[in-house]
Amino acid sequence: MAHRHEAHSSPFAQLIDPAAFSAAVAHSERLARLKSRVCRPLDKPLIPLVRNAEQERFDREVEHARARDLAAELAYADTH
């Protein structure tokens, strides 16, 4: 059984035998004893998203400028 323990200690064990690795993780007493909690900081934003006309106009200008810059870079790349 020492070989089996060594295989699960290897950082490449998940690549070599993913099913055995997953089973070992699922049945690990040491991992089960770890304290854990699920943190989901992005589920509900603390600051509500407020859009206004000025911000939306600015965002459109930035996106159009990006598109113009990309088009210019592509045109330059095609000619050189």
PDB file of N, CA and C in Angstrom:
ATOM      1  N   MET A   1       0.810  -1.206   0.000  1.00  0.00           N
ATOM      2  CA  MET A   1       0.000   0.000   0.000  1.00  0.00           C
ATOM      3  C   MET A   1       0.848   1.262   0.000  1.00  0.00           C
ATOM      4  N   ALA A   2       2.141   1.152   0.273  1.00  0.00           N
ATOM      5  CA  ALA A   2       2.996   2.337   0.292  1.00  0.00           C
ATOM      6  C   ALA A   2       3.014   2.994  -1.081  1.00  0.00           C
ATOM      7  N   HIS A   3       2.981   2.180  -2.119  1.00  0.00           N
ATOM      8  CA  HIS A   3       2.985   2.733  -3.476  1.00  0.00           C
ATOM      9  C   HIS A   3       1.721   3.563  -3.714  1.00  0.00           C
ATOM     10  N   ARG A   4       0.578   3.094  -3.221  1.00  0.00           N
ATOM     11  CA  ARG A   4      -0.676   3.816  -3.402  1.00  0.00           C
ATOM     12  C   ARG A   4      -0.610   5.164  -2.702  1.00  0.00           C
ATOM     13  N   HIS A   5      -0.066   5.208  -1.483  1.00  0.00           N
ATOM     14  CA  HIS A   5       0.073   6.465  -0.746  1.00  0.00           C
ATOM     15  C   HIS A   5       1.003   7.417  -1.481  1.00  0.00           C
ATOM     16  N   GLU A   6       2.087   6.881  -2.020  1.00  0.00           N
ATOM     17  CA  GLU A   6       3.033   7.723  -2.765  1.00  0.00           C
ATOM     18  C   GLU A   6       2.372   8.311  -4.013  1.00  0.00           C
ATOM     19  N   ALA A   7       1.533   7.532  -4.670  1.00  0.00           N
ATOM     20  CA  ALA A   7       0.873   8.024  -5.885  1.00  0.00           C
ATOM     21  C   ALA A   7      -0.033   9.201  -5.557  1.00  0.00           C
ATOM     22  N   HIS A   8      -0.692   9.145  -4.395  1.00  0.00           N
ATOM     23  CA  HIS A   8      -1.592  10.236  -4.024  1.00  0.00           C
ATOM     24  C   HIS A   8      -0.823  11.423  -3.467  1.00  0.00           C
ATOM     25  N   SER A   9       0.415  11.206  -3.064  1.00  0.00           N
ATOM     26  CA  SER A   9       1.243  12.302  -2.587  1.00  0.00           C
ATOM     27  C   SER A   9       1.896  13.046  -3.743  1.00  0.00           C
ATOM     28  N   SER A  10       1.894  12.450  -4.889  1.00  0.00           N
ATOM     29  CA  SER A  10       2.526  13.046  -6.059  1.00  0.00           C
ATOM     30  C   SER A  10       1.695  14.216  -6.564  1.00  0.00           C
ATOM     31  N   PRO A  11       2.358  15.308  -6.931  1.00  0.00           N
ATOM     32  CA  PRO A  11       1.603  16.431  -7.489  1.00  0.00           C
ATOM     33  C   PRO A  11       0.989  16.097  -8.851  1.00  0.00           C
ATOM     34  N   PHE A  12       1.441  15.002  -9.461  1.00  0.00           N
ATOM     35  CA  PHE A  12       0.924  14.600 -10.767  1.00  0.00           C
ATOM     36  C   PHE A  12      -0.132  13.503 -10.667  1.00  0.00           C
ATOM     37  N   ALA A  13      -0.520  13.127  -9.455  1.00  0.00           N
ATOM     38  CA  ALA A  13      -1.469  12.031  -9.272  1.00  0.00           C
ATOM     39  C   ALA A  13      -2.794  12.314  -9.960  1.00  0.00           C
ATOM     40  N   GLN A  14      -3.250  13.556  -9.904  1.00  0.00           N
ATOM     41  CA  GLN A  14      -4.530  13.874 -10.519  1.00  0.00           C
ATOM     42  C   GLN A  14      -4.470  13.716 -12.032  1.00  0.00           C
ATOM     43  N   LEU A  15      -3.306  13.975 -12.621  1.00  0.00           N
ATOM     44  CA  LEU A  15      -3.160  13.810 -14.061  1.00  0.00           C
ATOM     45  C   LEU A  15      -3.046  12.341 -14.452  1.00  0.00           C
ATOM     46  N   ILE A  16      -2.365  11.560 -13.610  1.00  0.00           N
ATOM     47  CA  ILE A  16      -2.106  10.158 -13.929  1.00  0.00           C
ATOM     48  C   ILE A  16      -3.364   9.313 -13.745  1.00  0.00           C
ATOM     49  N   ASP A  17      -4.066   9.503 -12.625  1.00  0.00           N
ATOM     50  CA  ASP A  17      -5.265   8.710 -12.328  1.00  0.00           C
ATOM     51  C   ASP A  17      -6.300   9.605 -11.656  1.00  0.00           C
ATOM     52  N   PRO A  18      -7.033  10.409 -12.434  1.00  0.00           N
ATOM     53  CA  PRO A  18      -7.958  11.373 -11.842  1.00  0.00           C
ATOM     54  C   PRO A  18      -9.067  10.732 -10.999  1.00  0.00           C
ATOM     55  N   ALA A  19      -9.549   9.579 -11.390  1.00  0.00           N
ATOM     56  CA  ALA A  19     -10.620   8.931 -10.627  1.00  0.00           C
ATOM     57  C   ALA A  19     -10.121   8.509  -9.248  1.00  0.00           C
ATOM     58  N   ALA A  20      -8.938   7.911  -9.177  1.00  0.00           N
ATOM     59  CA  ALA A  20      -8.379   7.488  -7.895  1.00  0.00           C
ATOM     60  C   ALA A  20      -8.068   8.703  -7.025  1.00  0.00           C
ATOM     61  N   PHE A  21      -7.578   9.749  -7.652  1.00  0.00           N
ATOM     62  CA  PHE A  21      -7.269  10.968  -6.903  1.00  0.00           C
ATOM     63  C   PHE A  21      -8.541  11.554  -6.303  1.00  0.00           C
ATOM     64  N   SER A  22      -9.608  11.658  -7.094  1.00  0.00           N
ATOM     65  CA  SER A  22     -10.876  12.198  -6.603  1.00  0.00           C
ATOM     66  C   SER A  22     -11.445  11.340  -5.477  1.00  0.00           C
ATOM     67  N   ALA A  23     -11.330  10.022  -5.621  1.00  0.00           N
ATOM     68  CA  ALA A  23     -11.817   9.118  -4.566  1.00  0.00           C
ATOM     69  C   ALA A  23     -11.012   9.304  -3.288  1.00  0.00           C
ATOM     70  N   ALA A  24      -9.707   9.465  -3.423  1.00  0.00           N
ATOM     71  CA  ALA A  24      -8.863   9.658  -2.242  1.00  0.00           C
ATOM     72  C   ALA A  24      -9.215  10.966  -1.535  1.00  0.00           C
ATOM     73  N   VAL A  25      -9.469  12.013  -2.295  1.00  0.00           N
ATOM     74  CA  VAL A  25      -9.848  13.298  -1.701  1.00  0.00           C
ATOM     75  C   VAL A  25     -11.200  13.170  -1.006  1.00  0.00           C
ATOM     76  N   ALA A  26     -12.154  12.498  -1.641  1.00  0.00           N
ATOM     77  CA  ALA A  26     -13.492  12.346  -1.074  1.00  0.00           C
ATOM     78  C   ALA A  26     -13.480  11.548   0.222  1.00  0.00           C
ATOM     79  N   HIS A  27     -12.544  10.600   0.358  1.00  0.00           N
ATOM     80  CA  HIS A  27     -12.503   9.750   1.548  1.00  0.00           C
ATOM     81  C   HIS A  27     -11.393  10.131   2.524  1.00  0.00           C
ATOM     82  N   SER A  28     -10.798  11.271   2.353  1.00  0.00           N
ATOM     83  CA  SER A  28      -9.698  11.691   3.215  1.00  0.00           C
ATOM     84  C   SER A  28     -10.213  12.194   4.564  1.00  0.00           C
ATOM     85  N   GLU A  29      -9.757  11.546   5.636  1.00  0.00           N
ATOM     86  CA  GLU A  29     -10.138  11.976   6.984  1.00  0.00           C
ATOM     87  C   GLU A  29      -9.500  13.327   7.320  1.00  0.00           C
ATOM     88  N   ARG A  30      -8.272  13.527   6.880  1.00  0.00           N
ATOM     89  CA  ARG A  30      -7.582  14.794   7.164  1.00  0.00           C
ATOM     90  C   ARG A  30      -8.299  15.965   6.500  1.00  0.00           C
ATOM     91  N   LEU A  31      -8.734  15.788   5.258  1.00  0.00           N
ATOM     92  CA  LEU A  31      -9.454  16.863   4.583  1.00  0.00           C
ATOM     93  C   LEU A  31     -10.830  17.092   5.214  1.00  0.00           C
ATOM     94  N   ALA A  32     -11.470  16.018   5.673  1.00  0.00           N
ATOM     95  CA  ALA A  32     -12.786  16.147   6.300  1.00  0.00           C
ATOM     96  C   ALA A  32     -12.706  16.927   7.603  1.00  0.00           C
ATOM     97  N   ARG A  33     -11.564  16.880   8.281  1.00  0.00           N
ATOM     98  CA  ARG A  33     -11.416  17.594   9.559  1.00  0.00           C
ATOM     99  C   ARG A  33     -11.136  19.083   9.375  1.00  0.00           C
ATOM    100  N   LEU A  34     -10.788  19.496   8.170  1.00  0.00           N
ATOM    101  CA  LEU A  34     -10.511  20.908   7.944  1.00  0.00           C
ATOM    102  C   LEU A  34     -11.778  21.735   8.100  1.00  0.00           C
ATOM    103  N   LYS A  35     -11.630  22.883   8.723  1.00  0.00           N
ATOM    104  CA  LYS A  35     -12.755  23.802   8.817  1.00  0.00           C
ATOM    105  C   LYS A  35     -12.854  24.523   7.473  1.00  0.00           C
ATOM    106  N   SER A  36     -14.057  24.667   7.005  1.00  0.00           N
ATOM    107  CA  SER A  36     -14.219  25.348   5.722  1.00  0.00           C
ATOM    108  C   SER A  36     -15.502  26.162   5.736  1.00  0.00           C
ATOM    109  N   ARG A  37     -15.537  27.126   4.863  1.00  0.00           N
ATOM    110  CA  ARG A  37     -16.750  27.905   4.655  1.00  0.00           C
ATOM    111  C   ARG A  37     -16.746  28.389   3.215  1.00  0.00           C
ATOM    112  N   VAL A  38     -17.912  28.609   2.700  1.00  0.00           N
ATOM    113  CA  VAL A  38     -18.049  29.062   1.326  1.00  0.00           C
ATOM    114  C   VAL A  38     -18.208  30.572   1.342  1.00  0.00           C
ATOM    115  N   CYS A  39     -17.318  31.251   0.640  1.00  0.00           N
ATOM    116  CA  CYS A  39     -17.386  32.711   0.538  1.00  0.00           C
ATOM    117  C   CYS A  39     -17.790  33.077  -0.874  1.00  0.00           C
ATOM    118  N   ARG A  40     -18.802  33.863  -0.984  1.00  0.00           N
ATOM    119  CA  ARG A  40     -19.268  34.292  -2.303  1.00  0.00           C
ATOM    120  C   ARG A  40     -19.404  35.810  -2.320  1.00  0.00           C
ATOM    121  N   PRO A  41     -18.282  36.508  -2.359  1.00  0.00           N
ATOM    122  CA  PRO A  41     -18.348  37.970  -2.270  1.00  0.00           C
ATOM    123  C   PRO A  41     -18.993  38.635  -3.473  1.00  0.00           C
ATOM    124  N   LEU A  42     -19.094  37.945  -4.597  1.00  0.00           N
ATOM    125  CA  LEU A  42     -19.649  38.574  -5.786  1.00  0.00           C
ATOM    126  C   LEU A  42     -21.112  38.230  -6.028  1.00  0.00           C
ATOM    127  N   ASP A  43     -21.704  37.428  -5.142  1.00  0.00           N
ATOM    128  CA  ASP A  43     -23.109  37.080  -5.325  1.00  0.00           C
ATOM    129  C   ASP A  43     -23.998  38.315  -5.274  1.00  0.00           C
ATOM    130  N   LYS A  44     -23.775  39.168  -4.282  1.00  0.00           N
ATOM    131  CA  LYS A  44     -24.580  40.368  -4.117  1.00  0.00           C
ATOM    132  C   LYS A  44     -23.633  41.546  -3.930  1.00  0.00           C
ATOM    133  N   PRO A  45     -23.593  42.441  -4.890  1.00  0.00           N
ATOM    134  CA  PRO A  45     -22.694  43.588  -4.723  1.00  0.00           C
ATOM    135  C   PRO A  45     -23.136  44.464  -3.557  1.00  0.00           C
ATOM    136  N   LEU A  46     -22.163  44.946  -2.808  1.00  0.00           N
ATOM    137  CA  LEU A  46     -22.469  45.826  -1.683  1.00  0.00           C
ATOM    138  C   LEU A  46     -22.868  47.218  -2.156  1.00  0.00           C
ATOM    139  N   ILE A  47     -22.291  47.630  -3.277  1.00  0.00           N
ATOM    140  CA  ILE A  47     -22.607  48.942  -3.825  1.00  0.00           C
ATOM    141  C   ILE A  47     -23.522  48.722  -5.026  1.00  0.00           C
ATOM    142  N   PRO A  48     -24.717  49.255  -4.986  1.00  0.00           N
ATOM    143  CA  PRO A  48     -25.623  49.030  -6.122  1.00  0.00           C
ATOM    144  C   PRO A  48     -25.103  49.702  -7.392  1.00  0.00           C
ATOM    145  N   LEU A  49     -25.342  49.079  -8.511  1.00  0.00           N
ATOM    146  CA  LEU A  49     -24.920  49.610  -9.799  1.00  0.00           C
ATOM    147  C   LEU A  49     -25.903  50.697 -10.215  1.00  0.00           C
ATOM    148  N   VAL A  50     -25.394  51.901 -10.353  1.00  0.00           N
ATOM    149  CA  VAL A  50     -26.227  53.017 -10.779  1.00  0.00           C
ATOM    150  C   VAL A  50     -25.671  53.529 -12.103  1.00  0.00           C
ATOM    151  N   ARG A  51     -26.478  53.477 -13.128  1.00  0.00           N
ATOM    152  CA  ARG A  51     -26.049  53.938 -14.447  1.00  0.00           C
ATOM    153  C   ARG A  51     -26.699  55.292 -14.707  1.00  0.00           C
ATOM    154  N   ASN A  52     -25.953  56.142 -15.367  1.00  0.00           N
ATOM    155  CA  ASN A  52     -26.547  57.392 -15.796  1.00  0.00           C
ATOM    156  C   ASN A  52     -26.123  57.666 -17.228  1.00  0.00           C
ATOM    157  N   ALA A  53     -26.770  58.617 -17.862  1.00  0.00           N
ATOM    158  CA  ALA A  53     -26.537  58.891 -19.273  1.00  0.00           C
ATOM    159  C   ALA A  53     -25.091  59.293 -19.529  1.00  0.00           C
ATOM    160  N   GLU A  54     -24.518  60.091 -18.647  1.00  0.00           N
ATOM    161  CA  GLU A  54     -23.140  60.546 -18.843  1.00  0.00           C
ATOM    162  C   GLU A  54     -22.158  59.376 -18.801  1.00  0.00           C
ATOM    163  N   GLN A  55     -22.351  58.475 -17.857  1.00  0.00           N
ATOM    164  CA  GLN A  55     -21.475  57.313 -17.734  1.00  0.00           C
ATOM    165  C   GLN A  55     -21.623  56.402 -18.960  1.00  0.00           C
ATOM    166  N   GLU A  56     -22.848  56.203 -19.407  1.00  0.00           N
ATOM    167  CA  GLU A  56     -23.066  55.351 -20.577  1.00  0.00           C
ATOM    168  C   GLU A  56     -22.449  55.971 -21.827  1.00  0.00           C
ATOM    169  N   ARG A  57     -22.536  57.288 -21.983  1.00  0.00           N
ATOM    170  CA  ARG A  57     -21.924  57.964 -23.129  1.00  0.00           C
ATOM    171  C   ARG A  57     -20.410  57.794 -23.083  1.00  0.00           C
ATOM    172  N   PHE A  58     -19.808  57.970 -21.898  1.00  0.00           N
ATOM    173  CA  PHE A  58     -18.368  57.793 -21.739  1.00  0.00           C
ATOM    174  C   PHE A  58     -17.960  56.363 -22.092  1.00  0.00           C
ATOM    175  N   ASP A  59     -18.719  55.383 -21.598  1.00  0.00           N
ATOM    176  CA  ASP A  59     -18.418  53.977 -21.898  1.00  0.00           C
ATOM    177  C   ASP A  59     -18.467  53.709 -23.400  1.00  0.00           C
ATOM    178  N   ARG A  60     -19.468  54.256 -24.096  1.00  0.00           N
ATOM    179  CA  ARG A  60     -19.556  54.078 -25.548  1.00  0.00           C
ATOM    180  C   ARG A  60     -18.359  54.697 -26.250  1.00  0.00           C
ATOM    181  N   GLU A  61     -17.954  55.904 -25.808  1.00  0.00           N
ATOM    182  CA  GLU A  61     -16.797  56.567 -26.418  1.00  0.00           C
ATOM    183  C   GLU A  61     -15.531  55.720 -26.258  1.00  0.00           C
ATOM    184  N   VAL A  62     -15.346  55.143 -25.080  1.00  0.00           N
ATOM    185  CA  VAL A  62     -14.176  54.304 -24.824  1.00  0.00           C
ATOM    186  C   VAL A  62     -14.207  53.075 -25.725  1.00  0.00           C
ATOM    187  N   GLU A  63     -15.362  52.430 -25.827  1.00  0.00           N
ATOM    188  CA  GLU A  63     -15.477  51.240 -26.677  1.00  0.00           C
ATOM    189  C   GLU A  63     -15.231  51.586 -28.141  1.00  0.00           C
ATOM    190  N   HIS A  64     -15.760  52.711 -28.614  1.00  0.00           N
ATOM    191  CA  HIS A  64     -15.532  53.117 -30.006  1.00  0.00           C
ATOM    192  C   HIS A  64     -14.059  53.430 -30.237  1.00  0.00           C
ATOM    193  N   ALA A  65     -13.416  54.072 -29.272  1.00  0.00           N
ATOM    194  CA  ALA A  65     -11.987  54.375 -29.411  1.00  0.00           C
ATOM    195  C   ALA A  65     -11.180  53.083 -29.493  1.00  0.00           C
ATOM    196  N   ARG A  66     -11.528  52.092 -28.680  1.00  0.00           N
ATOM    197  CA  ARG A  66     -10.850  50.792 -28.729  1.00  0.00           C
ATOM    198  C   ARG A  66     -11.027  50.149 -30.094  1.00  0.00           C
ATOM    199  N   ALA A  67     -12.247  50.210 -30.613  1.00  0.00           N
ATOM    200  CA  ALA A  67     -12.513  49.602 -31.917  1.00  0.00           C
ATOM    201  C   ALA A  67     -11.720  50.315 -33.010  1.00  0.00           C
ATOM    202  N   ARG A  68     -11.648  51.653 -32.950  1.00  0.00           N
ATOM    203  CA  ARG A  68     -10.869  52.406 -33.943  1.00  0.00           C
ATOM    204  C   ARG A  68      -9.394  52.058 -33.847  1.00  0.00           C
ATOM    205  N   ASP A  69      -8.875  51.974 -32.620  1.00  0.00           N
ATOM    206  CA  ASP A  69      -7.457  51.636 -32.430  1.00  0.00           C
ATOM    207  C   ASP A  69      -7.142  50.243 -32.963  1.00  0.00           C
ATOM    208  N   LEU A  70      -8.021  49.300 -32.678  1.00  0.00           N
ATOM    209  CA  LEU A  70      -7.814  47.926 -33.161  1.00  0.00           C
ATOM    210  C   LEU A  70      -7.853  47.893 -34.685  1.00  0.00           C
ATOM    211  N   ALA A  71      -8.801  48.604 -35.287  1.00  0.00           N
ATOM    212  CA  ALA A  71      -8.897  48.638 -36.749  1.00  0.00           C
ATOM    213  C   ALA A  71      -7.635  49.254 -37.349  1.00  0.00           C
ATOM    214  N   ALA A  72      -7.128  50.312 -36.730  1.00  0.00           N
ATOM    215  CA  ALA A  72      -5.910  50.952 -37.231  1.00  0.00           C
ATOM    216  C   ALA A  72      -4.718  50.004 -37.110  1.00  0.00           C
ATOM    217  N   GLU A  73      -4.624  49.278 -35.997  1.00  0.00           N
ATOM    218  CA  GLU A  73      -3.517  48.326 -35.817  1.00  0.00           C
ATOM    219  C   GLU A  73      -3.591  47.209 -36.853  1.00  0.00           C
ATOM    220  N   LEU A  74      -4.794  46.717 -37.117  1.00  0.00           N
ATOM    221  CA  LEU A  74      -4.954  45.645 -38.095  1.00  0.00           C
ATOM    222  C   LEU A  74      -4.611  46.142 -39.501  1.00  0.00           C
ATOM    223  N   ALA A  75      -5.037  47.356 -39.823  1.00  0.00           N
ATOM    224  CA  ALA A  75      -4.751  47.924 -41.139  1.00  0.00           C
ATOM    225  C   ALA A  75      -3.240  48.115 -41.290  1.00  0.00           C
ATOM    226  N   TYR A  76      -2.575  48.571 -40.239  1.00  0.00           N
ATOM    227  CA  TYR A  76      -1.125  48.762 -40.281  1.00  0.00           C
ATOM    228  C   TYR A  76      -0.416  47.420 -40.459  1.00  0.00           C
ATOM    229  N   ALA A  77      -0.890  46.409 -39.735  1.00  0.00           N
ATOM    230  CA  ALA A  77      -0.276  45.071 -39.809  1.00  0.00           C
ATOM    231  C   ALA A  77      -0.449  44.473 -41.205  1.00  0.00           C
ATOM    232  N   ASP A  78      -1.571  44.754 -41.844  1.00  0.00           N
ATOM    233  CA  ASP A  78      -1.805  44.233 -43.187  1.00  0.00           C
ATOM    234  C   ASP A  78      -0.888  44.867 -44.227  1.00  0.00           C
ATOM    235  N   THR A  79      -0.487  46.111 -44.010  1.00  0.00           N
ATOM    236  CA  THR A  79       0.339  46.798 -45.000  1.00  0.00           C
ATOM    237  C   THR A  79       1.823  46.606 -44.765  1.00  0.00           C
ATOM    238  N   HIS A  80       2.207  46.075 -43.608  1.00  0.00           N
ATOM    239  CA  HIS A  80       3.641  45.916 -43.309  1.00  0.00           C
ATOM    240  C   HIS A  80       4.026  44.492 -43.086  1.00  0.00           C
TER     241      HIS A  80
END
